[in-house]
Protein backbone atom coordinates (compact mmCIF):
# COMPACT_ATOMS: atom_id res chain seq x y z
CA MET A 1 -0.03 0.01 0.01
CA ARG A 2 1.45 3.38 -1.00
CA PRO A 3 1.29 6.04 1.63
CA SER A 4 -0.65 9.25 0.92
CA PHE A 5 0.08 12.89 2.22
CA LEU A 6 -2.85 12.42 4.55
CA PHE A 7 -1.11 10.10 6.68
CA ALA A 8 2.02 12.34 6.98
CA VAL A 9 -0.23 15.05 8.43
CA SER A 10 -1.38 14.69 11.94
CA VAL A 11 -5.03 14.15 12.59
CA VAL A 12 -5.02 17.56 14.42
CA ALA A 13 -3.83 19.19 11.37
CA LEU A 14 -6.50 17.41 9.20
CA THR A 15 -9.21 18.72 11.56
CA MET A 16 -7.70 22.05 11.26
CA ALA A 17 -7.81 21.84 7.47
CA ALA A 18 -11.33 20.68 7.41
CA SER A 19 -12.47 23.59 9.69
CA SER A 20 -10.48 26.05 7.68
CA ILE A 21 -12.14 25.14 4.39
CA GLY A 22 -15.44 25.44 6.02
CA ALA A 23 -14.86 29.29 6.17
CA LEU A 24 -13.85 29.63 2.62
CA ALA A 25 -15.69 32.04 0.24
CA GLN A 26 -18.65 32.57 2.44
CA GLY A 27 -20.26 35.84 1.52
CA THR A 28 -18.22 36.36 -1.52
CA ALA A 29 -19.31 35.14 -5.03
CA ALA A 30 -17.28 34.80 -8.11
CA PRO A 31 -18.55 36.62 -11.24
CA GLY A 32 -21.87 35.27 -12.38
CA LYS A 33 -22.48 33.51 -9.05
CA THR A 34 -24.81 34.57 -6.33
CA ALA A 35 -23.79 34.51 -2.62
CA ALA A 36 -26.12 31.53 -2.16
CA THR A 37 -24.51 29.55 -5.00
CA ALA A 38 -21.02 30.49 -3.56
CA LYS A 39 -21.97 29.37 -0.06
CA ALA A 40 -23.40 25.92 -1.68
CA ASP A 41 -20.27 25.38 -3.67
CA ASN A 42 -18.08 26.09 -0.46
CA ALA A 43 -20.22 23.66 1.46
CA ALA A 44 -19.92 20.93 -1.11
CA ILE A 45 -16.24 20.99 -1.14
CA SER A 46 -16.00 21.42 2.63
CA SER A 47 -18.38 18.47 3.01
CA CYS A 48 -16.10 16.26 0.70
CA LEU A 49 -12.92 17.16 2.53
CA GLN A 50 -14.48 16.67 5.94
CA GLU A 51 -15.46 13.11 4.92
CA VAL A 52 -11.95 12.38 3.52
CA PHE A 53 -10.60 13.56 6.78
CA LYS A 54 -12.88 11.50 8.88
CA GLU A 55 -12.20 8.39 6.86
CA ALA A 56 -8.36 9.11 7.27
CA GLU A 57 -8.73 9.40 11.00
CA LYS A 58 -10.59 6.03 11.14
CA TYR A 59 -7.97 4.53 9.03
CA GLU A 60 -5.16 5.81 11.27
CA LYS A 61 -6.89 4.09 14.24
CA LEU A 62 -6.67 0.73 12.65
CA SER A 63 -3.95 -1.65 13.66
CA ASP A 64 -1.25 -2.54 11.14
CA LYS A 65 -2.92 -5.94 10.50
CA GLU A 66 -6.38 -4.24 9.91
CA LYS A 67 -4.76 -1.67 7.61
CA GLU A 68 -3.53 -4.57 5.37
CA LYS A 69 -6.99 -5.61 4.74
CA ALA A 70 -8.67 -2.33 4.55
CA ASP A 71 -8.80 -0.02 1.58
CA GLU A 72 -6.92 3.20 2.00
CA PRO A 73 -9.12 6.18 2.40
CA ALA A 74 -9.60 8.59 -0.42
CA GLU A 75 -7.13 11.48 -0.52
CA ALA A 76 -8.20 15.23 -0.44
CA ALA A 77 -7.44 15.31 -4.14
CA SER A 78 -10.48 13.23 -4.64
CA CYS A 79 -12.53 16.30 -3.77
CA MET A 80 -11.50 18.15 -6.96
CA GLY A 81 -14.35 18.45 -9.26
CA THR A 82 -17.09 18.16 -6.59
CA VAL A 83 -18.81 21.38 -7.69
CA SER A 84 -17.84 21.34 -11.31
CA GLY A 85 -19.02 17.77 -11.91
CA VAL A 86 -22.45 18.43 -10.39
CA CYS A 87 -22.82 21.53 -12.40
CA GLN A 88 -21.76 19.87 -15.58
CA GLU A 89 -24.62 17.37 -15.32
CA LYS A 90 -27.05 20.25 -15.59
CA ILE A 91 -25.44 22.11 -18.68
CA LYS A 92 -27.87 23.15 -21.41
CA GLY A 93 -26.87 24.80 -24.58
CA ASP A 94 -23.24 25.29 -25.52
CA PRO A 95 -21.31 22.69 -23.63
CA ASN A 96 -18.09 24.63 -23.72
CA LYS A 97 -19.59 27.71 -22.11
CA GLY A 98 -21.27 25.38 -19.65
CA LEU A 99 -18.05 23.81 -18.85
CA VAL A 100 -16.26 27.20 -18.35
CA THR A 101 -18.95 28.37 -15.99
CA CYS A 102 -18.83 25.11 -13.93
CA ASN A 103 -15.18 25.04 -13.65
CA ASN A 104 -15.01 28.72 -12.67
CA ARG A 105 -17.51 28.20 -9.94
CA GLU A 106 -15.20 25.53 -8.43
CA LEU A 107 -12.12 27.49 -9.18
CA ALA A 108 -13.51 30.45 -7.10
CA VAL A 109 -13.79 28.15 -4.11
CA TRP A 110 -10.21 26.49 -4.23
CA GLN A 111 -8.68 29.99 -5.04
CA ALA A 112 -10.13 31.44 -1.97
CA PHE A 113 -8.96 28.38 0.02
CA MET A 114 -5.41 28.64 -1.35
CA ASP A 115 -5.35 32.49 -0.66
CA ARG A 116 -6.47 31.76 2.99
CA ARG A 117 -3.88 29.01 3.53
CA VAL A 118 -0.92 31.20 1.92
CA ALA A 119 -1.99 34.16 4.28
CA ALA A 120 -2.03 31.67 7.43
CA TYR A 121 1.39 30.31 6.31
CA LEU A 122 2.89 33.76 5.78
CA LYS A 123 1.63 35.05 9.09
CA ASP A 124 3.41 32.48 11.16
CA ALA A 125 6.45 31.78 8.80
CA LYS A 126 10.01 32.80 9.66
CA PRO A 127 11.29 35.52 7.33
CA ASN A 128 13.21 32.97 5.09
CA GLU A 129 10.17 30.58 4.95
CA ALA A 130 7.80 33.61 4.00
CA ALA A 131 10.30 34.61 1.16
CA ALA A 132 10.42 31.20 -0.09
CA MET A 133 6.58 30.65 -0.19
CA LYS A 134 6.23 33.98 -1.92
CA LYS A 135 8.65 32.94 -4.62
CA VAL A 136 7.09 29.55 -4.82
CA GLN A 137 3.66 31.17 -5.34
CA SER A 138 4.76 33.78 -7.84
CA THR A 139 6.61 31.29 -9.83
CA TRP A 140 3.79 28.80 -9.67
CA VAL A 141 1.21 31.36 -10.88
CA ALA A 142 3.48 32.16 -13.93
CA HIS A 143 3.75 28.50 -14.58
CA ARG A 144 -0.12 27.87 -14.20
CA ASP A 145 -1.06 30.89 -16.40
CA ALA A 146 1.42 29.92 -19.21
CA ARG A 147 0.40 26.21 -19.00
CA CYS A 148 -3.18 26.97 -19.02
CA ALA A 149 -3.07 29.58 -21.74
CA TYR A 150 -1.56 26.90 -24.08
CA PRO A 151 -5.11 25.51 -25.44
CA ALA A 152 -5.82 29.09 -26.64
CA ILE A 153 -2.67 29.16 -28.57
CA ASP A 154 -2.91 25.58 -29.87
CA SER A 155 -6.62 25.42 -31.01
CA ASP A 156 -8.57 27.08 -33.47
CA ASP A 157 -11.90 26.32 -31.63
CA LYS A 158 -12.13 29.06 -29.11
CA GLY A 159 -15.02 27.47 -27.19
CA LEU A 160 -13.03 24.45 -26.76
CA ALA A 161 -9.80 26.22 -25.84
CA SER A 162 -11.79 28.27 -23.16
CA ALA A 163 -13.12 25.03 -21.54
CA LEU A 164 -9.69 23.33 -21.69
CA THR A 165 -8.07 26.50 -20.08
CA SER A 166 -10.75 26.66 -17.36
CA ALA A 167 -10.15 22.92 -16.59
CA CYS A 168 -6.53 23.45 -16.38
CA LEU A 169 -6.84 26.41 -14.06
CA LEU A 170 -9.15 24.40 -11.75
CA GLU A 171 -6.96 21.26 -11.64
CA MET A 172 -3.64 23.16 -11.07
CA THR A 173 -5.23 25.64 -8.42
CA SER A 174 -6.83 22.88 -6.50
CA LYS A 175 -3.65 20.75 -6.40
CA GLN A 176 -1.66 23.85 -5.41
CA ALA A 177 -4.13 24.76 -2.59
CA LEU A 178 -3.90 21.24 -1.29
CA TRP A 179 -0.16 21.28 -1.35
CA ILE A 180 0.05 24.54 0.52
CA ASP A 181 -2.60 23.26 3.15
CA ALA A 182 -0.18 20.39 3.70
CA ARG A 183 2.76 22.74 4.38
CA GLU A 184 0.76 25.07 6.56
CA ASN A 185 -0.40 22.44 8.78
């Protein structure tokens, strides 16, 4: 069985992460989203992460022999697509526009989560750690933006390019948010 990052993070840190995601994006809405939609999107991802963390806690309490027989719990990364996936099932009309809208709804939640986790990290970091995190983030943003802009350069189909770009932004941002959360905790 391969270990996941969830097992490297203490149960206390997992609980802290679950409570911090619960505070995401409440009262703020991304363009085209109502405050109620933003709150529901936040709740969906928060609920998924809390379930993952709860399952990880249960798994941690198992004996080594029980762990050999048990399935490893899902990782936090399994929560990526929670909002977008449900939203995409309801798409009517132009599927590319629908994909962009759905991906952007979830992107707003992960972006807010990442921003909060970076701020929390910087608040408690030593000066050299803070400088390193700022460099990591600025370098990562440039990489993400360049990588996710590629479909627009590579495709003549602007609708498809927009959908691929939004999917890229969502995937890379959610992964980075979870990576930072693991560092912060």
